[in-house]
Amino acid sequence: MFLLQSRGIAFEDVAKLRGNPNAADMKVNISFDIGLQYCPWCGRRLQELVEALPEAFDELAEKHKLFHAGP
């Protein structure tokens, strides 16, 4: 699965807001994800890219696992 993510605050600052009873009373969009099937730069199906270079994408997925905001 590929997700394009945007963030309202830096990843390192999430812990300062999430679950902190002393955090300011405000609503903040911490992050947003949207699934992708095609490369936003070249238009190629991402599944084709993964099949061509599976080790590179496994490494990339492991490196970015930390940033996954979903369940």
PDB file of N, CA and C in Angstrom:
ATOM      1  N   MET A   1       0.839  -1.157   0.000  1.00  0.00           N
ATOM      2  CA  MET A   1       0.000   0.000   0.000  1.00  0.00           C
ATOM      3  C   MET A   1       0.897   1.236   0.000  1.00  0.00           C
ATOM      4  N   PHE A   2       0.504   2.238  -0.744  1.00  0.00           N
ATOM      5  CA  PHE A   2       1.226   3.500  -0.786  1.00  0.00           C
ATOM      6  C   PHE A   2       0.328   4.598  -0.263  1.00  0.00           C
ATOM      7  N   LEU A   3       0.879   5.454   0.580  1.00  0.00           N
ATOM      8  CA  LEU A   3       0.130   6.569   1.140  1.00  0.00           C
ATOM      9  C   LEU A   3       0.910   7.853   0.919  1.00  0.00           C
ATOM     10  N   LEU A   4       0.209   8.867   0.467  1.00  0.00           N
ATOM     11  CA  LEU A   4       0.776  10.204   0.389  1.00  0.00           C
ATOM     12  C   LEU A   4       0.314  10.919   1.647  1.00  0.00           C
ATOM     13  N   GLN A   5       1.240  11.486   2.401  1.00  0.00           N
ATOM     14  CA  GLN A   5       0.900  12.052   3.703  1.00  0.00           C
ATOM     15  C   GLN A   5       1.267  13.525   3.775  1.00  0.00           C
ATOM     16  N   SER A   6       0.389  14.285   4.408  1.00  0.00           N
ATOM     17  CA  SER A   6       0.706  15.671   4.753  1.00  0.00           C
ATOM     18  C   SER A   6       0.575  15.795   6.260  1.00  0.00           C
ATOM     19  N   ARG A   7       1.275  16.753   6.837  1.00  0.00           N
ATOM     20  CA  ARG A   7       1.262  16.916   8.290  1.00  0.00           C
ATOM     21  C   ARG A   7       1.025  18.362   8.660  1.00  0.00           C
ATOM     22  N   GLY A   8       0.218  18.568   9.705  1.00  0.00           N
ATOM     23  CA  GLY A   8      -0.020  19.894  10.250  1.00  0.00           C
ATOM     24  C   GLY A   8       1.048  20.281  11.254  1.00  0.00           C
ATOM     25  N   ILE A   9       1.698  19.277  11.833  1.00  0.00           N
ATOM     26  CA  ILE A   9       2.796  19.507  12.778  1.00  0.00           C
ATOM     27  C   ILE A   9       3.888  18.487  12.483  1.00  0.00           C
ATOM     28  N   ALA A  10       5.079  18.763  12.930  1.00  0.00           N
ATOM     29  CA  ALA A  10       6.200  17.846  12.703  1.00  0.00           C
ATOM     30  C   ALA A  10       5.957  16.512  13.407  1.00  0.00           C
ATOM     31  N   PHE A  11       6.404  15.433  12.793  1.00  0.00           N
ATOM     32  CA  PHE A  11       6.252  14.106  13.373  1.00  0.00           C
ATOM     33  C   PHE A  11       6.788  14.072  14.806  1.00  0.00           C
ATOM     34  N   GLU A  12       7.916  14.728  15.037  1.00  0.00           N
ATOM     35  CA  GLU A  12       8.542  14.719  16.356  1.00  0.00           C
ATOM     36  C   GLU A  12       7.697  15.419  17.417  1.00  0.00           C
ATOM     37  N   ASP A  13       6.751  16.282  17.011  1.00  0.00           N
ATOM     38  CA  ASP A  13       5.922  17.027  17.963  1.00  0.00           C
ATOM     39  C   ASP A  13       4.585  16.366  18.282  1.00  0.00           C
ATOM     40  N   VAL A  14       4.268  15.264  17.622  1.00  0.00           N
ATOM     41  CA  VAL A  14       2.979  14.593  17.834  1.00  0.00           C
ATOM     42  C   VAL A  14       2.793  14.215  19.303  1.00  0.00           C
ATOM     43  N   ALA A  15       3.813  13.659  19.929  1.00  0.00           N
ATOM     44  CA  ALA A  15       3.702  13.222  21.326  1.00  0.00           C
ATOM     45  C   ALA A  15       3.411  14.383  22.272  1.00  0.00           C
ATOM     46  N   LYS A  16       3.825  15.587  21.900  1.00  0.00           N
ATOM     47  CA  LYS A  16       3.574  16.749  22.754  1.00  0.00           C
ATOM     48  C   LYS A  16       2.087  17.106  22.807  1.00  0.00           C
ATOM     49  N   LEU A  17       1.335  16.755  21.775  1.00  0.00           N
ATOM     50  CA  LEU A  17      -0.092  17.092  21.725  1.00  0.00           C
ATOM     51  C   LEU A  17      -1.006  15.918  22.049  1.00  0.00           C
ATOM     52  N   ARG A  18      -0.673  14.745  21.532  1.00  0.00           N
ATOM     53  CA  ARG A  18      -1.540  13.578  21.667  1.00  0.00           C
ATOM     54  C   ARG A  18      -1.528  13.066  23.103  1.00  0.00           C
ATOM     55  N   GLY A  19      -2.693  13.067  23.738  1.00  0.00           N
ATOM     56  CA  GLY A  19      -2.818  12.528  25.086  1.00  0.00           C
ATOM     57  C   GLY A  19      -2.260  13.413  26.178  1.00  0.00           C
ATOM     58  N   ASN A  20      -1.964  14.652  25.884  1.00  0.00           N
ATOM     59  CA  ASN A  20      -1.403  15.559  26.877  1.00  0.00           C
ATOM     60  C   ASN A  20      -2.527  16.420  27.457  1.00  0.00           C
ATOM     61  N   PRO A  21      -2.870  16.240  28.734  1.00  0.00           N
ATOM     62  CA  PRO A  21      -3.964  17.028  29.314  1.00  0.00           C
ATOM     63  C   PRO A  21      -3.639  18.519  29.417  1.00  0.00           C
ATOM     64  N   ASN A  22      -2.369  18.884  29.333  1.00  0.00           N
ATOM     65  CA  ASN A  22      -1.972  20.292  29.408  1.00  0.00           C
ATOM     66  C   ASN A  22      -1.878  20.960  28.040  1.00  0.00           C
ATOM     67  N   ALA A  23      -2.176  20.224  26.981  1.00  0.00           N
ATOM     68  CA  ALA A  23      -2.111  20.804  25.638  1.00  0.00           C
ATOM     69  C   ALA A  23      -3.201  21.859  25.486  1.00  0.00           C
ATOM     70  N   ALA A  24      -2.935  22.816  24.641  1.00  0.00           N
ATOM     71  CA  ALA A  24      -3.910  23.885  24.402  1.00  0.00           C
ATOM     72  C   ALA A  24      -5.225  23.296  23.891  1.00  0.00           C
ATOM     73  N   ASP A  25      -6.330  23.946  24.241  1.00  0.00           N
ATOM     74  CA  ASP A  25      -7.651  23.492  23.806  1.00  0.00           C
ATOM     75  C   ASP A  25      -7.885  23.972  22.375  1.00  0.00           C
ATOM     76  N   MET A  26      -7.432  23.166  21.411  1.00  0.00           N
ATOM     77  CA  MET A  26      -7.580  23.515  20.003  1.00  0.00           C
ATOM     78  C   MET A  26      -7.627  22.240  19.185  1.00  0.00           C
ATOM     79  N   LYS A  27      -8.106  22.373  17.975  1.00  0.00           N
ATOM     80  CA  LYS A  27      -8.147  21.241  17.057  1.00  0.00           C
ATOM     81  C   LYS A  27      -7.035  21.434  16.031  1.00  0.00           C
ATOM     82  N   VAL A  28      -6.233  20.382  15.846  1.00  0.00           N
ATOM     83  CA  VAL A  28      -5.115  20.421  14.913  1.00  0.00           C
ATOM     84  C   VAL A  28      -5.170  19.165  14.063  1.00  0.00           C
ATOM     85  N   ASN A  29      -5.069  19.329  12.759  1.00  0.00           N
ATOM     86  CA  ASN A  29      -4.957  18.176  11.876  1.00  0.00           C
ATOM     87  C   ASN A  29      -3.507  17.717  11.921  1.00  0.00           C
ATOM     88  N   ILE A  30      -3.250  16.689  12.726  1.00  0.00           N
ATOM     89  CA  ILE A  30      -1.878  16.210  12.905  1.00  0.00           C
ATOM     90  C   ILE A  30      -1.336  15.637  11.602  1.00  0.00           C
ATOM     91  N   SER A  31      -2.120  14.793  10.937  1.00  0.00           N
ATOM     92  CA  SER A  31      -1.666  14.249   9.662  1.00  0.00           C
ATOM     93  C   SER A  31      -2.860  13.776   8.846  1.00  0.00           C
ATOM     94  N   PHE A  32      -2.625  13.597   7.564  1.00  0.00           N
ATOM     95  CA  PHE A  32      -3.641  13.147   6.632  1.00  0.00           C
ATOM     96  C   PHE A  32      -2.973  12.202   5.646  1.00  0.00           C
ATOM     97  N   ASP A  33      -3.603  11.069   5.376  1.00  0.00           N
ATOM     98  CA  ASP A  33      -3.091  10.092   4.412  1.00  0.00           C
ATOM     99  C   ASP A  33      -4.114   9.879   3.309  1.00  0.00           C
ATOM    100  N   ILE A  34      -3.630   9.655   2.103  1.00  0.00           N
ATOM    101  CA  ILE A  34      -4.485   9.251   0.994  1.00  0.00           C
ATOM    102  C   ILE A  34      -3.765   8.148   0.235  1.00  0.00           C
ATOM    103  N   GLY A  35      -4.490   7.104  -0.117  1.00  0.00           N
ATOM    104  CA  GLY A  35      -3.888   5.981  -0.828  1.00  0.00           C
ATOM    105  C   GLY A  35      -3.561   6.328  -2.272  1.00  0.00           C
ATOM    106  N   LEU A  36      -2.534   5.691  -2.797  1.00  0.00           N
ATOM    107  CA  LEU A  36      -2.101   5.917  -4.178  1.00  0.00           C
ATOM    108  C   LEU A  36      -1.986   4.596  -4.911  1.00  0.00           C
ATOM    109  N   GLN A  37      -2.348   4.600  -6.189  1.00  0.00           N
ATOM    110  CA  GLN A  37      -2.126   3.448  -7.056  1.00  0.00           C
ATOM    111  C   GLN A  37      -1.131   3.770  -8.160  1.00  0.00           C
ATOM    112  N   TYR A  38      -0.961   5.055  -8.446  1.00  0.00           N
ATOM    113  CA  TYR A  38      -0.082   5.498  -9.533  1.00  0.00           C
ATOM    114  C   TYR A  38       0.945   6.473  -8.993  1.00  0.00           C
ATOM    115  N   CYS A  39       2.138   6.459  -9.566  1.00  0.00           N
ATOM    116  CA  CYS A  39       3.181   7.395  -9.179  1.00  0.00           C
ATOM    117  C   CYS A  39       2.736   8.812  -9.546  1.00  0.00           C
ATOM    118  N   PRO A  40       2.754   9.747  -8.585  1.00  0.00           N
ATOM    119  CA  PRO A  40       2.307  11.106  -8.901  1.00  0.00           C
ATOM    120  C   PRO A  40       3.272  11.853  -9.832  1.00  0.00           C
ATOM    121  N   TRP A  41       4.466  11.342 -10.041  1.00  0.00           N
ATOM    122  CA  TRP A  41       5.440  12.004 -10.905  1.00  0.00           C
ATOM    123  C   TRP A  41       5.454  11.435 -12.311  1.00  0.00           C
ATOM    124  N   CYS A  42       5.460  10.100 -12.439  1.00  0.00           N
ATOM    125  CA  CYS A  42       5.566   9.515 -13.785  1.00  0.00           C
ATOM    126  C   CYS A  42       4.275   8.863 -14.268  1.00  0.00           C
ATOM    127  N   GLY A  43       3.307   8.626 -13.381  1.00  0.00           N
ATOM    128  CA  GLY A  43       2.028   8.041 -13.772  1.00  0.00           C
ATOM    129  C   GLY A  43       2.015   6.527 -13.871  1.00  0.00           C
ATOM    130  N   ARG A  44       3.132   5.878 -13.615  1.00  0.00           N
ATOM    131  CA  ARG A  44       3.203   4.415 -13.701  1.00  0.00           C
ATOM    132  C   ARG A  44       2.501   3.777 -12.503  1.00  0.00           C
ATOM    133  N   ARG A  45       1.901   2.600 -12.729  1.00  0.00           N
ATOM    134  CA  ARG A  45       1.271   1.878 -11.620  1.00  0.00           C
ATOM    135  C   ARG A  45       2.348   1.532 -10.585  1.00  0.00           C
ATOM    136  N   LEU A  46       2.078   1.849  -9.327  1.00  0.00           N
ATOM    137  CA  LEU A  46       3.061   1.595  -8.277  1.00  0.00           C
ATOM    138  C   LEU A  46       3.332   0.109  -8.109  1.00  0.00           C
ATOM    139  N   GLN A  47       2.339  -0.742  -8.354  1.00  0.00           N
ATOM    140  CA  GLN A  47       2.541  -2.182  -8.246  1.00  0.00           C
ATOM    141  C   GLN A  47       3.613  -2.651  -9.230  1.00  0.00           C
ATOM    142  N   GLU A  48       3.657  -2.043 -10.425  1.00  0.00           N
ATOM    143  CA  GLU A  48       4.685  -2.399 -11.410  1.00  0.00           C
ATOM    144  C   GLU A  48       6.076  -2.012 -10.906  1.00  0.00           C
ATOM    145  N   LEU A  49       6.178  -0.869 -10.269  1.00  0.00           N
ATOM    146  CA  LEU A  49       7.466  -0.436  -9.721  1.00  0.00           C
ATOM    147  C   LEU A  49       7.925  -1.370  -8.599  1.00  0.00           C
ATOM    148  N   VAL A  50       6.997  -1.780  -7.746  1.00  0.00           N
ATOM    149  CA  VAL A  50       7.325  -2.695  -6.644  1.00  0.00           C
ATOM    150  C   VAL A  50       7.800  -4.037  -7.201  1.00  0.00           C
ATOM    151  N   GLU A  51       7.106  -4.540  -8.211  1.00  0.00           N
ATOM    152  CA  GLU A  51       7.484  -5.829  -8.793  1.00  0.00           C
ATOM    153  C   GLU A  51       8.853  -5.767  -9.462  1.00  0.00           C
ATOM    154  N   ALA A  52       9.226  -4.596  -9.985  1.00  0.00           N
ATOM    155  CA  ALA A  52      10.526  -4.449 -10.642  1.00  0.00           C
ATOM    156  C   ALA A  52      11.670  -4.366  -9.638  1.00  0.00           C
ATOM    157  N   LEU A  53      11.418  -3.782  -8.449  1.00  0.00           N
ATOM    158  CA  LEU A  53      12.464  -3.583  -7.438  1.00  0.00           C
ATOM    159  C   LEU A  53      11.933  -3.928  -6.038  1.00  0.00           C
ATOM    160  N   PRO A  54      11.568  -5.175  -5.791  1.00  0.00           N
ATOM    161  CA  PRO A  54      10.924  -5.508  -4.510  1.00  0.00           C
ATOM    162  C   PRO A  54      11.797  -5.233  -3.282  1.00  0.00           C
ATOM    163  N   GLU A  55      13.102  -5.489  -3.369  1.00  0.00           N
ATOM    164  CA  GLU A  55      13.966  -5.262  -2.206  1.00  0.00           C
ATOM    165  C   GLU A  55      14.028  -3.779  -1.858  1.00  0.00           C
ATOM    166  N   ALA A  56      14.098  -2.937  -2.857  1.00  0.00           N
ATOM    167  CA  ALA A  56      14.161  -1.489  -2.615  1.00  0.00           C
ATOM    168  C   ALA A  56      12.881  -0.994  -1.946  1.00  0.00           C
ATOM    169  N   PHE A  57      11.735  -1.524  -2.372  1.00  0.00           N
ATOM    170  CA  PHE A  57      10.472  -1.079  -1.778  1.00  0.00           C
ATOM    171  C   PHE A  57      10.255  -1.672  -0.388  1.00  0.00           C
ATOM    172  N   ASP A  58      10.759  -2.873  -0.139  1.00  0.00           N
ATOM    173  CA  ASP A  58      10.701  -3.424   1.219  1.00  0.00           C
ATOM    174  C   ASP A  58      11.504  -2.544   2.173  1.00  0.00           C
ATOM    175  N   GLU A  59      12.683  -2.121   1.735  1.00  0.00           N
ATOM    176  CA  GLU A  59      13.534  -1.251   2.552  1.00  0.00           C
ATOM    177  C   GLU A  59      12.859   0.107   2.784  1.00  0.00           C
ATOM    178  N   LEU A  60      12.264   0.645   1.745  1.00  0.00           N
ATOM    179  CA  LEU A  60      11.566   1.924   1.849  1.00  0.00           C
ATOM    180  C   LEU A  60      10.380   1.824   2.810  1.00  0.00           C
ATOM    181  N   ALA A  61       9.620   0.735   2.722  1.00  0.00           N
ATOM    182  CA  ALA A  61       8.469   0.532   3.610  1.00  0.00           C
ATOM    183  C   ALA A  61       8.920   0.425   5.060  1.00  0.00           C
ATOM    184  N   GLU A  62       9.990  -0.298   5.313  1.00  0.00           N
ATOM    185  CA  GLU A  62      10.490  -0.446   6.679  1.00  0.00           C
ATOM    186  C   GLU A  62      10.958   0.902   7.227  1.00  0.00           C
ATOM    187  N   LYS A  63      11.657   1.660   6.403  1.00  0.00           N
ATOM    188  CA  LYS A  63      12.177   2.971   6.813  1.00  0.00           C
ATOM    189  C   LYS A  63      11.049   3.942   7.179  1.00  0.00           C
ATOM    190  N   HIS A  64       9.919   3.874   6.471  1.00  0.00           N
ATOM    191  CA  HIS A  64       8.826   4.821   6.679  1.00  0.00           C
ATOM    192  C   HIS A  64       7.691   4.278   7.558  1.00  0.00           C
ATOM    193  N   LYS A  65       7.827   3.066   8.068  1.00  0.00           N
ATOM    194  CA  LYS A  65       6.800   2.471   8.927  1.00  0.00           C
ATOM    195  C   LYS A  65       6.504   3.355  10.139  1.00  0.00           C
ATOM    196  N   LEU A  66       7.509   4.000  10.648  1.00  0.00           N
ATOM    197  CA  LEU A  66       7.385   4.884  11.803  1.00  0.00           C
ATOM    198  C   LEU A  66       6.360   5.996  11.583  1.00  0.00           C
ATOM    199  N   PHE A  67       6.219   6.462  10.347  1.00  0.00           N
ATOM    200  CA  PHE A  67       5.354   7.602  10.047  1.00  0.00           C
ATOM    201  C   PHE A  67       3.908   7.224   9.768  1.00  0.00           C
ATOM    202  N   HIS A  68       3.573   5.932   9.722  1.00  0.00           N
ATOM    203  CA  HIS A  68       2.204   5.523   9.423  1.00  0.00           C
ATOM    204  C   HIS A  68       1.285   5.953  10.545  1.00  0.00           C
ATOM    205  N   ALA A  69       0.283   6.729  10.212  1.00  0.00           N
ATOM    206  CA  ALA A  69      -0.614   7.297  11.233  1.00  0.00           C
ATOM    207  C   ALA A  69      -1.865   6.454  11.454  1.00  0.00           C
ATOM    208  N   GLY A  70      -2.094   5.453  10.629  1.00  0.00           N
ATOM    209  CA  GLY A  70      -3.315   4.660  10.710  1.00  0.00           C
ATOM    210  C   GLY A  70      -3.307   3.627  11.813  1.00  0.00           C
ATOM    211  N   PRO A  71      -4.395   2.893  11.913  1.00  0.00           N
ATOM    212  CA  PRO A  71      -4.499   1.861  12.963  1.00  0.00           C
ATOM    213  C   PRO A  71      -3.545   0.704  12.765  1.00  0.00           C
TER     214      PRO A  71
END
